[in-house]
Amino acid sequence: MLADALEHLVRGLVSRPDEVRVADKDLRRGRILEVRVDPSDVGKVIGRQGRTATALRTVIKSLAGRERVQIDFVDVDRPRRGR
């Protein structure tokens, strides 16, 4: 339900809604919702100074209640750095 709600909200923000993907992963320390969008829409989802991303996190956390949920906005253009 949370992944569907987040996907619905993000689709309303972007110019390419068919490219929106939300992966729901259950881990020991809680759930992680990974949001992937078209690279041209990343700025729209993050917003100025991260305000849109913060608002999305607030809405989803309020829907989750006591369940621990983390939202990650994945940038597919940048390769992950090794440690």
C-alpha atoms as a PDB file:
ATOM      1  CA  MET A   1       0.000   0.000   0.000  1.00  0.00           C
ATOM      2  CA  LEU A   2       2.779   2.467   0.892  1.00  0.00           C
ATOM      3  CA  ALA A   3       4.676   1.784  -2.320  1.00  0.00           C
ATOM      4  CA  ASP A   4       1.505   2.294  -4.354  1.00  0.00           C
ATOM      5  CA  ALA A   5       0.746   5.572  -2.576  1.00  0.00           C
ATOM      6  CA  LEU A   6       4.295   6.841  -3.098  1.00  0.00           C
ATOM      7  CA  GLU A   7       4.249   5.828  -6.760  1.00  0.00           C
ATOM      8  CA  HIS A   8       0.945   7.663  -7.256  1.00  0.00           C
ATOM      9  CA  LEU A   9       2.319  10.840  -5.668  1.00  0.00           C
ATOM     10  CA  VAL A  10       5.563  10.765  -7.665  1.00  0.00           C
ATOM     11  CA  ARG A  11       3.738  10.096 -10.955  1.00  0.00           C
ATOM     12  CA  GLY A  12       1.820  13.330 -10.407  1.00  0.00           C
ATOM     13  CA  LEU A  13       5.059  15.303 -10.143  1.00  0.00           C
ATOM     14  CA  VAL A  14       7.070  14.088 -13.121  1.00  0.00           C
ATOM     15  CA  SER A  15       6.796  14.657 -16.855  1.00  0.00           C
ATOM     16  CA  ARG A  16       7.397  10.958 -17.665  1.00  0.00           C
ATOM     17  CA  PRO A  17       5.112   9.045 -15.278  1.00  0.00           C
ATOM     18  CA  ASP A  18       5.606   5.739 -17.111  1.00  0.00           C
ATOM     19  CA  GLU A  19       9.261   5.734 -16.026  1.00  0.00           C
ATOM     20  CA  VAL A  20       8.460   5.846 -12.286  1.00  0.00           C
ATOM     21  CA  ARG A  21       9.421   2.694 -10.379  1.00  0.00           C
ATOM     22  CA  VAL A  22       9.093   2.118  -6.644  1.00  0.00           C
ATOM     23  CA  ALA A  23      10.780  -0.952  -5.180  1.00  0.00           C
ATOM     24  CA  ASP A  24       9.598  -2.138  -1.760  1.00  0.00           C
ATOM     25  CA  LYS A  25      12.290  -3.931   0.276  1.00  0.00           C
ATOM     26  CA  ASP A  26      11.799  -5.417   3.737  1.00  0.00           C
ATOM     27  CA  LEU A  27      14.917  -5.404   5.879  1.00  0.00           C
ATOM     28  CA  ARG A  28      15.562  -6.204   9.526  1.00  0.00           C
ATOM     29  CA  ARG A  29      15.611  -2.545  10.472  1.00  0.00           C
ATOM     30  CA  GLY A  30      12.453  -1.640   8.544  1.00  0.00           C
ATOM     31  CA  ARG A  31      11.173  -1.113   5.026  1.00  0.00           C
ATOM     32  CA  ILE A  32      12.956   0.793   2.294  1.00  0.00           C
ATOM     33  CA  LEU A  33      11.078   2.269  -0.642  1.00  0.00           C
ATOM     34  CA  GLU A  34      13.448   2.971  -3.536  1.00  0.00           C
ATOM     35  CA  VAL A  35      12.150   5.522  -6.024  1.00  0.00           C
ATOM     36  CA  ARG A  36      13.557   5.556  -9.560  1.00  0.00           C
ATOM     37  CA  VAL A  37      12.509   8.146 -12.123  1.00  0.00           C
ATOM     38  CA  ASP A  38      13.734   9.300 -15.513  1.00  0.00           C
ATOM     39  CA  PRO A  39      16.998  11.245 -15.077  1.00  0.00           C
ATOM     40  CA  SER A  40      15.355  14.395 -16.414  1.00  0.00           C
ATOM     41  CA  ASP A  41      12.748  14.230 -13.625  1.00  0.00           C
ATOM     42  CA  VAL A  42      15.075  13.795 -10.645  1.00  0.00           C
ATOM     43  CA  GLY A  43      15.064  17.514  -9.888  1.00  0.00           C
ATOM     44  CA  LYS A  44      11.272  17.608  -9.828  1.00  0.00           C
ATOM     45  CA  VAL A  45      11.091  14.801  -7.296  1.00  0.00           C
ATOM     46  CA  ILE A  46      13.800  16.243  -5.044  1.00  0.00           C
ATOM     47  CA  GLY A  47      12.619  19.858  -5.293  1.00  0.00           C
ATOM     48  CA  ARG A  48      14.370  23.026  -4.225  1.00  0.00           C
ATOM     49  CA  GLN A  49      16.609  22.318  -1.253  1.00  0.00           C
ATOM     50  CA  GLY A  50      14.936  18.899  -0.960  1.00  0.00           C
ATOM     51  CA  ARG A  51      11.544  20.274   0.040  1.00  0.00           C
ATOM     52  CA  THR A  52       9.517  18.009  -2.261  1.00  0.00           C
ATOM     53  CA  ALA A  53      11.432  14.915  -1.122  1.00  0.00           C
ATOM     54  CA  THR A  54      10.912  15.918   2.505  1.00  0.00           C
ATOM     55  CA  ALA A  55       7.181  16.394   1.918  1.00  0.00           C
ATOM     56  CA  LEU A  56       6.922  12.971   0.262  1.00  0.00           C
ATOM     57  CA  ARG A  57       8.742  11.371   3.198  1.00  0.00           C
ATOM     58  CA  THR A  58       6.409  13.106   5.655  1.00  0.00           C
ATOM     59  CA  VAL A  59       3.263  11.885   3.881  1.00  0.00           C
ATOM     60  CA  ILE A  60       4.478   8.295   3.601  1.00  0.00           C
ATOM     61  CA  LYS A  61       5.701   8.167   7.206  1.00  0.00           C
ATOM     62  CA  SER A  62       2.322   9.398   8.399  1.00  0.00           C
ATOM     63  CA  LEU A  63       0.609   6.674   6.366  1.00  0.00           C
ATOM     64  CA  ALA A  64       2.983   4.060   7.787  1.00  0.00           C
ATOM     65  CA  GLY A  65       2.064   4.802  11.383  1.00  0.00           C
ATOM     66  CA  ARG A  66       4.437   2.956  13.718  1.00  0.00           C
ATOM     67  CA  GLU A  67       6.096   0.995  10.932  1.00  0.00           C
ATOM     68  CA  ARG A  68       9.649   2.125  10.166  1.00  0.00           C
ATOM     69  CA  VAL A  69       9.902   3.279   6.550  1.00  0.00           C
ATOM     70  CA  GLN A  70      12.824   4.868   4.740  1.00  0.00           C
ATOM     71  CA  ILE A  71      12.545   6.426   1.286  1.00  0.00           C
ATOM     72  CA  ASP A  72      15.557   6.515  -1.028  1.00  0.00           C
ATOM     73  CA  PHE A  73      15.584   8.495  -4.246  1.00  0.00           C
ATOM     74  CA  VAL A  74      17.983   6.581  -6.471  1.00  0.00           C
ATOM     75  CA  ASP A  75      19.966   8.510  -9.069  1.00  0.00           C
ATOM     76  CA  VAL A  76      20.515   6.010 -11.878  1.00  0.00           C
ATOM     77  CA  ASP A  77      22.943   8.223 -13.826  1.00  0.00           C
ATOM     78  CA  ARG A  78      25.631   8.223 -11.163  1.00  0.00           C
ATOM     79  CA  PRO A  79      27.460   4.988 -10.446  1.00  0.00           C
ATOM     80  CA  ARG A  80      27.720   4.059  -6.768  1.00  0.00           C
ATOM     81  CA  ARG A  81      31.108   4.640  -5.241  1.00  0.00           C
ATOM     82  CA  GLY A  82      32.957   1.798  -3.601  1.00  0.00           C
ATOM     83  CA  ARG A  83      34.323   2.199  -0.092  1.00  0.00           C
END
